[in-house]
Amino acid sequence: MPLAQAHPKLSLMNLPLLTKELLARTLVEPMLRSGLAPFGPFNPLMAWVLKNRDARLPKDHPLKSLEDIREWDSTFALSRSSLLWLWAKLNQLKPIRILEFGSGRTTFALASYAKQCREAGLATPIIITVEAEGSWLAQTREILASHHLESFITFIQANAIKTPTDHGYDLDGTSLREAFQSKDVEFLLIDGPSGGHGRIGTLRSVFDLLSPDAEIFLDDCDRAAEKQSIRAWAKDYGSKIQSHGIIPTVGGLGWLTRTAR
């Protein structure tokens, strides 16, 4: 019988605060920095660590300067805990072709990752960010320019599609593939369109552009509409995608992998 069934009240979350802090520092936070997913009994503790660390980024983190950008300090921006986990994943996977839906904090992080790659003598990633809101795109571009990061991002403004069955962007797949030099996308980050109606159409519009092992991340998975998007994709693509569940960051970060052609 599983331990949790034999002792239903036994949980890491019932441990004293100092014990939880020790486990967080020695086990959970190293997992977080390496981009590993939470598992088993550590899932609640991972959530506790992420949500209690969301107020500030670590002082030595490469994205620390993001905290000075007040334009993105809102409930609509990707949470710091999600950003921290994604940063670890970028540095673990080292993708070269990255597609982002929705601009903001994540665009800054992606551009910073590309700059880091160039400075390390690695191939500079191709990053395309799709945004529907012209004013928001202009603001993102201006902020990146003030940090000398604008050159690492190619922006595409595309109208948002918002119908009961399709919430995504009006995109030209051929032009998008050409922008990626006819090579497959390895890393897809979905944080738009805004509106809280799910993002079913985003993955559908670019699925054929993804590499067989592309990683897919969907923000705001604490919301019912985003959970429904994941269920719809599972029905659409079956064994062609694998769900790793929802990383328990603030807002919830869905993680999937494309597994086959």
C-alpha atoms as a PDB file:
ATOM      1  CA  MET A   1       0.000   0.000   0.000  1.00  0.00           C
ATOM      2  CA  PRO A   2       1.390   3.436  -0.898  1.00  0.00           C
ATOM      3  CA  LEU A   3       2.693   5.397   2.063  1.00  0.00           C
ATOM      4  CA  ALA A   4       0.248   8.245   1.456  1.00  0.00           C
ATOM      5  CA  GLN A   5      -2.692   5.813   1.695  1.00  0.00           C
ATOM      6  CA  ALA A   6      -1.347   4.057   4.775  1.00  0.00           C
ATOM      7  CA  HIS A   7      -0.697   7.386   6.511  1.00  0.00           C
ATOM      8  CA  PRO A   8      -3.077   9.931   4.936  1.00  0.00           C
ATOM      9  CA  LYS A   9      -1.925  12.708   7.287  1.00  0.00           C
ATOM     10  CA  LEU A  10       1.758  12.156   6.516  1.00  0.00           C
ATOM     11  CA  SER A  11       2.874  15.000   4.263  1.00  0.00           C
ATOM     12  CA  LEU A  12       5.958  17.099   3.766  1.00  0.00           C
ATOM     13  CA  MET A  13       3.730  20.123   4.230  1.00  0.00           C
ATOM     14  CA  ASN A  14       2.981  19.050   7.807  1.00  0.00           C
ATOM     15  CA  LEU A  15       6.647  19.264   8.743  1.00  0.00           C
ATOM     16  CA  PRO A  16       7.960  22.147  10.887  1.00  0.00           C
ATOM     17  CA  LEU A  17       8.850  25.304   8.997  1.00  0.00           C
ATOM     18  CA  LEU A  18      12.604  24.951   9.590  1.00  0.00           C
ATOM     19  CA  THR A  19      12.508  21.371   8.265  1.00  0.00           C
ATOM     20  CA  LYS A  20      10.636  22.492   5.150  1.00  0.00           C
ATOM     21  CA  GLU A  21      13.180  25.270   4.618  1.00  0.00           C
ATOM     22  CA  LEU A  22      16.035  22.745   4.908  1.00  0.00           C
ATOM     23  CA  LEU A  23      14.393  20.398   2.404  1.00  0.00           C
ATOM     24  CA  ALA A  24      13.690  23.350   0.120  1.00  0.00           C
ATOM     25  CA  ARG A  25      17.351  24.456   0.111  1.00  0.00           C
ATOM     26  CA  THR A  26      18.920  21.009  -0.204  1.00  0.00           C
ATOM     27  CA  LEU A  27      16.479  19.197  -2.505  1.00  0.00           C
ATOM     28  CA  VAL A  28      13.737  21.277  -4.090  1.00  0.00           C
ATOM     29  CA  GLU A  29      15.606  24.457  -5.036  1.00  0.00           C
ATOM     30  CA  PRO A  30      18.390  22.517  -6.840  1.00  0.00           C
ATOM     31  CA  MET A  31      15.600  20.771  -8.795  1.00  0.00           C
ATOM     32  CA  LEU A  32      14.116  24.145  -9.639  1.00  0.00           C
ATOM     33  CA  ARG A  33      17.436  25.604 -10.813  1.00  0.00           C
ATOM     34  CA  SER A  34      18.033  22.606 -13.058  1.00  0.00           C
ATOM     35  CA  GLY A  35      14.561  22.821 -14.628  1.00  0.00           C
ATOM     36  CA  LEU A  36      13.379  19.468 -13.291  1.00  0.00           C
ATOM     37  CA  ALA A  37       9.667  18.840 -12.846  1.00  0.00           C
ATOM     38  CA  PRO A  38       8.302  18.199  -9.346  1.00  0.00           C
ATOM     39  CA  PHE A  39       7.369  14.623  -8.561  1.00  0.00           C
ATOM     40  CA  GLY A  40       5.595  12.545  -5.949  1.00  0.00           C
ATOM     41  CA  PRO A  41       5.679  13.910  -2.417  1.00  0.00           C
ATOM     42  CA  PHE A  42       7.876  16.843  -3.468  1.00  0.00           C
ATOM     43  CA  ASN A  43       5.151  18.374  -5.643  1.00  0.00           C
ATOM     44  CA  PRO A  44       3.427  20.272  -2.785  1.00  0.00           C
ATOM     45  CA  LEU A  45       6.801  21.372  -1.416  1.00  0.00           C
ATOM     46  CA  MET A  46       7.860  22.580  -4.869  1.00  0.00           C
ATOM     47  CA  ALA A  47       4.655  24.618  -5.051  1.00  0.00           C
ATOM     48  CA  TRP A  48       5.335  26.031  -1.594  1.00  0.00           C
ATOM     49  CA  VAL A  49       8.895  26.973  -2.568  1.00  0.00           C
ATOM     50  CA  LEU A  50       7.848  28.606  -5.839  1.00  0.00           C
ATOM     51  CA  LYS A  51       4.966  30.583  -4.412  1.00  0.00           C
ATOM     52  CA  ASN A  52       6.939  31.759  -1.395  1.00  0.00           C
ATOM     53  CA  ARG A  53       9.827  32.801  -3.641  1.00  0.00           C
ATOM     54  CA  ASP A  54       7.640  34.693  -6.108  1.00  0.00           C
ATOM     55  CA  ALA A  55       8.007  38.080  -4.428  1.00  0.00           C
ATOM     56  CA  ARG A  56      11.614  38.590  -5.539  1.00  0.00           C
ATOM     57  CA  LEU A  57      14.132  36.984  -7.879  1.00  0.00           C
ATOM     58  CA  PRO A  58      17.371  35.805  -6.244  1.00  0.00           C
ATOM     59  CA  LYS A  59      19.856  38.694  -5.971  1.00  0.00           C
ATOM     60  CA  ASP A  60      22.403  36.997  -8.234  1.00  0.00           C
ATOM     61  CA  HIS A  61      19.907  35.954 -10.923  1.00  0.00           C
ATOM     62  CA  PRO A  62      20.690  37.117 -14.508  1.00  0.00           C
ATOM     63  CA  LEU A  63      17.145  38.490 -14.819  1.00  0.00           C
ATOM     64  CA  LYS A  64      17.262  40.514 -11.604  1.00  0.00           C
ATOM     65  CA  SER A  65      16.993  43.788 -13.548  1.00  0.00           C
ATOM     66  CA  LEU A  66      13.466  42.783 -14.564  1.00  0.00           C
ATOM     67  CA  GLU A  67      12.290  43.840 -11.117  1.00  0.00           C
ATOM     68  CA  ASP A  68      13.032  47.463 -11.998  1.00  0.00           C
ATOM     69  CA  ILE A  69      10.669  47.377 -14.980  1.00  0.00           C
ATOM     70  CA  ARG A  70       7.391  48.560 -13.470  1.00  0.00           C
ATOM     71  CA  GLU A  71       5.498  48.390 -16.756  1.00  0.00           C
ATOM     72  CA  TRP A  72       5.466  44.595 -16.415  1.00  0.00           C
ATOM     73  CA  ASP A  73       4.773  44.522 -12.681  1.00  0.00           C
ATOM     74  CA  SER A  74       1.144  43.464 -13.015  1.00  0.00           C
ATOM     75  CA  THR A  75      -1.147  40.479 -12.622  1.00  0.00           C
ATOM     76  CA  PHE A  76      -1.058  40.024 -16.402  1.00  0.00           C
ATOM     77  CA  ALA A  77       2.694  39.386 -16.501  1.00  0.00           C
ATOM     78  CA  LEU A  78       4.188  35.921 -16.243  1.00  0.00           C
ATOM     79  CA  SER A  79       4.958  35.242 -12.580  1.00  0.00           C
ATOM     80  CA  ARG A  80       8.523  35.368 -11.326  1.00  0.00           C
ATOM     81  CA  SER A  81       8.307  31.740 -10.246  1.00  0.00           C
ATOM     82  CA  SER A  82       7.341  30.675 -13.781  1.00  0.00           C
ATOM     83  CA  LEU A  83      10.118  32.864 -15.150  1.00  0.00           C
ATOM     84  CA  LEU A  84      12.658  31.272 -12.821  1.00  0.00           C
ATOM     85  CA  TRP A  85      11.660  27.774 -13.903  1.00  0.00           C
ATOM     86  CA  LEU A  86      11.653  28.663 -17.613  1.00  0.00           C
ATOM     87  CA  TRP A  87      15.087  30.266 -17.330  1.00  0.00           C
ATOM     88  CA  ALA A  88      16.462  27.042 -15.867  1.00  0.00           C
ATOM     89  CA  LYS A  89      14.807  25.072 -18.659  1.00  0.00           C
ATOM     90  CA  LEU A  90      16.277  27.314 -21.359  1.00  0.00           C
ATOM     91  CA  ASN A  91      19.767  26.849 -19.958  1.00  0.00           C
ATOM     92  CA  GLN A  92      19.235  23.097 -19.646  1.00  0.00           C
ATOM     93  CA  LEU A  93      17.846  22.531 -23.165  1.00  0.00           C
ATOM     94  CA  LYS A  94      19.732  25.311 -25.010  1.00  0.00           C
ATOM     95  CA  PRO A  95      17.175  25.658 -27.842  1.00  0.00           C
ATOM     96  CA  ILE A  96      18.173  27.517 -31.005  1.00  0.00           C
ATOM     97  CA  ARG A  97      14.754  28.185 -32.570  1.00  0.00           C
ATOM     98  CA  ILE A  98      12.207  29.688 -30.183  1.00  0.00           C
ATOM     99  CA  LEU A  99       8.649  30.877 -30.816  1.00  0.00           C
ATOM    100  CA  GLU A 100       6.753  32.978 -28.302  1.00  0.00           C
ATOM    101  CA  PHE A 101       3.071  33.942 -28.285  1.00  0.00           C
ATOM    102  CA  GLY A 102       2.507  37.102 -26.257  1.00  0.00           C
ATOM    103  CA  SER A 103       5.267  39.531 -25.302  1.00  0.00           C
ATOM    104  CA  GLY A 104       6.539  40.915 -22.002  1.00  0.00           C
ATOM    105  CA  ARG A 105       8.751  39.551 -19.239  1.00  0.00           C
ATOM    106  CA  THR A 106       9.345  36.342 -21.141  1.00  0.00           C
ATOM    107  CA  THR A 107      10.565  38.283 -24.188  1.00  0.00           C
ATOM    108  CA  PHE A 108      13.144  39.989 -21.983  1.00  0.00           C
ATOM    109  CA  ALA A 109      14.186  36.594 -20.619  1.00  0.00           C
ATOM    110  CA  LEU A 110      14.462  35.065 -24.087  1.00  0.00           C
ATOM    111  CA  ALA A 111      16.513  37.988 -25.376  1.00  0.00           C
ATOM    112  CA  SER A 112      18.773  37.737 -22.311  1.00  0.00           C
ATOM    113  CA  TYR A 113      19.217  34.031 -22.999  1.00  0.00           C
ATOM    114  CA  ALA A 114      20.174  34.776 -26.627  1.00  0.00           C
ATOM    115  CA  LYS A 115      22.677  37.410 -25.512  1.00  0.00           C
ATOM    116  CA  GLN A 116      24.151  34.935 -23.027  1.00  0.00           C
ATOM    117  CA  CYS A 117      24.547  32.347 -25.802  1.00  0.00           C
ATOM    118  CA  ARG A 118      26.330  34.839 -28.070  1.00  0.00           C
ATOM    119  CA  GLU A 119      28.676  35.976 -25.305  1.00  0.00           C
ATOM    120  CA  ALA A 120      29.529  32.336 -24.570  1.00  0.00           C
ATOM    121  CA  GLY A 121      30.479  31.762 -28.204  1.00  0.00           C
ATOM    122  CA  LEU A 122      27.425  29.586 -28.893  1.00  0.00           C
ATOM    123  CA  ALA A 123      24.996  29.852 -31.804  1.00  0.00           C
ATOM    124  CA  THR A 124      22.727  32.843 -31.349  1.00  0.00           C
ATOM    125  CA  PRO A 125      19.108  31.606 -31.092  1.00  0.00           C
ATOM    126  CA  ILE A 126      16.462  32.708 -33.570  1.00  0.00           C
ATOM    127  CA  ILE A 127      13.576  34.064 -31.479  1.00  0.00           C
ATOM    128  CA  ILE A 128      10.235  35.184 -32.911  1.00  0.00           C
ATOM    129  CA  THR A 129       7.637  36.839 -30.702  1.00  0.00           C
ATOM    130  CA  VAL A 130       4.038  37.146 -31.891  1.00  0.00           C
ATOM    131  CA  GLU A 131       1.934  39.894 -30.313  1.00  0.00           C
ATOM    132  CA  ALA A 132      -1.572  41.158 -31.114  1.00  0.00           C
ATOM    133  CA  GLU A 133      -1.613  44.418 -29.151  1.00  0.00           C
ATOM    134  CA  GLY A 134       0.303  47.135 -30.981  1.00  0.00           C
ATOM    135  CA  SER A 135       0.812  49.353 -27.928  1.00  0.00           C
ATOM    136  CA  TRP A 136       2.034  46.433 -25.806  1.00  0.00           C
ATOM    137  CA  LEU A 137       4.423  45.344 -28.563  1.00  0.00           C
ATOM    138  CA  ALA A 138       5.794  48.878 -28.840  1.00  0.00           C
ATOM    139  CA  GLN A 139       6.340  49.007 -25.084  1.00  0.00           C
ATOM    140  CA  THR A 140       8.146  45.662 -25.091  1.00  0.00           C
ATOM    141  CA  ARG A 141      10.358  46.779 -27.970  1.00  0.00           C
ATOM    142  CA  GLU A 142      11.182  50.029 -26.166  1.00  0.00           C
ATOM    143  CA  ILE A 143      12.109  48.248 -22.928  1.00  0.00           C
ATOM    144  CA  LEU A 144      14.320  45.756 -24.764  1.00  0.00           C
ATOM    145  CA  ALA A 145      16.036  48.597 -26.630  1.00  0.00           C
ATOM    146  CA  SER A 146      16.798  50.369 -23.339  1.00  0.00           C
ATOM    147  CA  HIS A 147      18.607  47.206 -22.200  1.00  0.00           C
ATOM    148  CA  HIS A 148      20.345  46.639 -25.589  1.00  0.00           C
ATOM    149  CA  LEU A 149      18.340  43.450 -26.192  1.00  0.00           C
ATOM    150  CA  GLU A 150      16.027  44.403 -29.073  1.00  0.00           C
ATOM    151  CA  SER A 151      18.267  42.917 -31.772  1.00  0.00           C
ATOM    152  CA  PHE A 152      17.781  39.395 -30.389  1.00  0.00           C
ATOM    153  CA  ILE A 153      14.009  39.335 -31.056  1.00  0.00           C
ATOM    154  CA  THR A 154      12.035  39.359 -34.307  1.00  0.00           C
ATOM    155  CA  PHE A 155       8.573  40.765 -33.623  1.00  0.00           C
ATOM    156  CA  ILE A 156       5.461  39.849 -35.594  1.00  0.00           C
ATOM    157  CA  GLN A 157       2.213  41.689 -34.997  1.00  0.00           C
ATOM    158  CA  ALA A 158      -0.741  39.420 -35.790  1.00  0.00           C
ATOM    159  CA  ASN A 159      -4.432  39.816 -35.149  1.00  0.00           C
ATOM    160  CA  ALA A 160      -5.845  37.707 -32.343  1.00  0.00           C
ATOM    161  CA  ILE A 161      -8.541  35.185 -33.247  1.00  0.00           C
ATOM    162  CA  LYS A 162     -11.157  34.853 -30.531  1.00  0.00           C
ATOM    163  CA  THR A 163     -14.045  32.518 -31.281  1.00  0.00           C
ATOM    164  CA  PRO A 164     -15.710  29.872 -29.084  1.00  0.00           C
ATOM    165  CA  THR A 165     -13.590  27.148 -30.728  1.00  0.00           C
ATOM    166  CA  ASP A 166     -10.399  28.959 -31.711  1.00  0.00           C
ATOM    167  CA  HIS A 167      -8.366  31.388 -29.636  1.00  0.00           C
ATOM    168  CA  GLY A 168      -5.014  32.143 -31.221  1.00  0.00           C
ATOM    169  CA  TYR A 169      -3.429  34.324 -33.895  1.00  0.00           C
ATOM    170  CA  ASP A 170      -3.968  34.927 -37.596  1.00  0.00           C
ATOM    171  CA  LEU A 171      -0.587  33.687 -38.848  1.00  0.00           C
ATOM    172  CA  ASP A 172       1.014  32.841 -42.166  1.00  0.00           C
ATOM    173  CA  GLY A 173       2.725  29.512 -41.513  1.00  0.00           C
ATOM    174  CA  THR A 174       4.870  29.740 -44.637  1.00  0.00           C
ATOM    175  CA  SER A 175       6.316  33.121 -43.669  1.00  0.00           C
ATOM    176  CA  LEU A 176       6.905  31.884 -40.156  1.00  0.00           C
ATOM    177  CA  ARG A 177       8.831  28.854 -41.386  1.00  0.00           C
ATOM    178  CA  GLU A 178      10.951  31.079 -43.631  1.00  0.00           C
ATOM    179  CA  ALA A 179      11.726  33.282 -40.629  1.00  0.00           C
ATOM    180  CA  PHE A 180      13.106  30.174 -38.909  1.00  0.00           C
ATOM    181  CA  GLN A 181      15.205  29.440 -42.012  1.00  0.00           C
ATOM    182  CA  SER A 182      13.012  26.416 -42.886  1.00  0.00           C
ATOM    183  CA  LYS A 183      14.063  24.612 -39.695  1.00  0.00           C
ATOM    184  CA  ASP A 184      11.795  23.289 -36.949  1.00  0.00           C
ATOM    185  CA  VAL A 185      10.908  25.191 -33.781  1.00  0.00           C
ATOM    186  CA  GLU A 186      12.411  23.610 -30.673  1.00  0.00           C
ATOM    187  CA  PHE A 187      10.854  25.703 -27.906  1.00  0.00           C
ATOM    188  CA  LEU A 188       7.311  27.120 -27.896  1.00  0.00           C
ATOM    189  CA  LEU A 189       6.133  29.462 -25.151  1.00  0.00           C
ATOM    190  CA  ILE A 190       2.442  30.375 -25.102  1.00  0.00           C
ATOM    191  CA  ASP A 191       1.403  33.388 -23.019  1.00  0.00           C
ATOM    192  CA  GLY A 192      -1.124  34.969 -25.356  1.00  0.00           C
ATOM    193  CA  PRO A 193      -3.514  36.067 -26.649  1.00  0.00           C
ATOM    194  CA  SER A 194      -4.812  37.723 -23.510  1.00  0.00           C
ATOM    195  CA  GLY A 195      -8.380  37.427 -22.359  1.00  0.00           C
ATOM    196  CA  GLY A 196      -8.711  34.303 -20.267  1.00  0.00           C
ATOM    197  CA  HIS A 197     -10.562  32.316 -22.961  1.00  0.00           C
ATOM    198  CA  GLY A 198      -7.917  29.651 -23.458  1.00  0.00           C
ATOM    199  CA  ARG A 199      -5.340  29.393 -26.230  1.00  0.00           C
ATOM    200  CA  ILE A 200      -6.481  26.358 -28.199  1.00  0.00           C
ATOM    201  CA  GLY A 201      -5.684  27.885 -31.596  1.00  0.00           C
ATOM    202  CA  THR A 202      -2.070  28.748 -30.796  1.00  0.00           C
ATOM    203  CA  LEU A 203      -0.627  25.239 -30.904  1.00  0.00           C
ATOM    204  CA  ARG A 204      -2.927  24.208 -33.747  1.00  0.00           C
ATOM    205  CA  SER A 205      -1.595  27.020 -35.935  1.00  0.00           C
ATOM    206  CA  VAL A 206       2.073  26.022 -35.586  1.00  0.00           C
ATOM    207  CA  PHE A 207       2.085  22.325 -34.684  1.00  0.00           C
ATOM    208  CA  ASP A 208       3.563  21.337 -38.048  1.00  0.00           C
ATOM    209  CA  LEU A 209       6.444  23.765 -37.486  1.00  0.00           C
ATOM    210  CA  LEU A 210       7.594  22.002 -34.311  1.00  0.00           C
ATOM    211  CA  SER A 211      10.526  19.608 -34.122  1.00  0.00           C
ATOM    212  CA  PRO A 212       9.708  16.020 -33.060  1.00  0.00           C
ATOM    213  CA  ASP A 213      11.015  16.721 -29.540  1.00  0.00           C
ATOM    214  CA  ALA A 214       9.916  20.348 -29.184  1.00  0.00           C
ATOM    215  CA  GLU A 215       9.093  21.573 -25.696  1.00  0.00           C
ATOM    216  CA  ILE A 216       5.803  23.442 -25.266  1.00  0.00           C
ATOM    217  CA  PHE A 217       4.955  25.671 -22.308  1.00  0.00           C
ATOM    218  CA  LEU A 218       1.547  27.215 -21.594  1.00  0.00           C
ATOM    219  CA  ASP A 219       1.163  29.925 -18.961  1.00  0.00           C
ATOM    220  CA  ASP A 220      -1.902  30.512 -16.741  1.00  0.00           C
ATOM    221  CA  CYS A 221      -2.744  26.826 -16.369  1.00  0.00           C
ATOM    222  CA  ASP A 222      -4.419  27.490 -13.039  1.00  0.00           C
ATOM    223  CA  ARG A 223      -7.299  28.758 -15.202  1.00  0.00           C
ATOM    224  CA  ALA A 224      -9.989  26.403 -16.440  1.00  0.00           C
ATOM    225  CA  ALA A 225      -9.715  27.675 -20.037  1.00  0.00           C
ATOM    226  CA  GLU A 226      -6.021  26.776 -20.259  1.00  0.00           C
ATOM    227  CA  LYS A 227      -6.657  23.337 -18.792  1.00  0.00           C
ATOM    228  CA  GLN A 228      -9.297  22.887 -21.483  1.00  0.00           C
ATOM    229  CA  SER A 229      -6.739  23.883 -24.126  1.00  0.00           C
ATOM    230  CA  ILE A 230      -4.426  21.085 -22.963  1.00  0.00           C
ATOM    231  CA  ARG A 231      -7.284  18.579 -23.025  1.00  0.00           C
ATOM    232  CA  ALA A 232      -8.216  19.683 -26.551  1.00  0.00           C
ATOM    233  CA  TRP A 233      -4.615  19.294 -27.733  1.00  0.00           C
ATOM    234  CA  ALA A 234      -4.417  15.814 -26.204  1.00  0.00           C
ATOM    235  CA  LYS A 235      -7.511  14.897 -28.213  1.00  0.00           C
ATOM    236  CA  ASP A 236      -6.158  16.536 -31.382  1.00  0.00           C
ATOM    237  CA  TYR A 237      -2.690  14.997 -31.349  1.00  0.00           C
ATOM    238  CA  GLY A 238      -2.913  11.883 -29.205  1.00  0.00           C
ATOM    239  CA  SER A 239       0.468  10.164 -28.944  1.00  0.00           C
ATOM    240  CA  LYS A 240       2.172  13.018 -30.816  1.00  0.00           C
ATOM    241  CA  ILE A 241       2.357  15.027 -27.607  1.00  0.00           C
ATOM    242  CA  GLN A 242       3.186  14.070 -24.050  1.00  0.00           C
ATOM    243  CA  SER A 243       1.949  16.074 -21.078  1.00  0.00           C
ATOM    244  CA  HIS A 244       4.226  16.476 -18.073  1.00  0.00           C
ATOM    245  CA  GLY A 245       1.460  18.101 -16.038  1.00  0.00           C
ATOM    246  CA  ILE A 246       1.327  21.591 -14.582  1.00  0.00           C
ATOM    247  CA  ILE A 247       4.392  23.020 -12.853  1.00  0.00           C
ATOM    248  CA  PRO A 248       3.038  24.530  -9.590  1.00  0.00           C
ATOM    249  CA  THR A 249       4.315  28.058 -10.137  1.00  0.00           C
ATOM    250  CA  VAL A 250       2.194  31.099  -9.411  1.00  0.00           C
ATOM    251  CA  GLY A 251      -0.386  30.980 -12.206  1.00  0.00           C
ATOM    252  CA  GLY A 252       0.516  27.415 -13.193  1.00  0.00           C
ATOM    253  CA  LEU A 253       2.782  26.508 -16.102  1.00  0.00           C
ATOM    254  CA  GLY A 254       1.712  23.662 -18.397  1.00  0.00           C
ATOM    255  CA  TRP A 255       4.512  21.590 -19.911  1.00  0.00           C
ATOM    256  CA  LEU A 256       4.206  19.317 -22.944  1.00  0.00           C
ATOM    257  CA  THR A 257       6.595  17.698 -25.412  1.00  0.00           C
ATOM    258  CA  ARG A 258       5.992  16.889 -29.044  1.00  0.00           C
ATOM    259  CA  THR A 259       6.964  13.234 -29.359  1.00  0.00           C
ATOM    260  CA  ALA A 260       6.594  12.154 -32.999  1.00  0.00           C
ATOM    261  CA  ARG A 261       5.826  13.255 -36.548  1.00  0.00           C
END
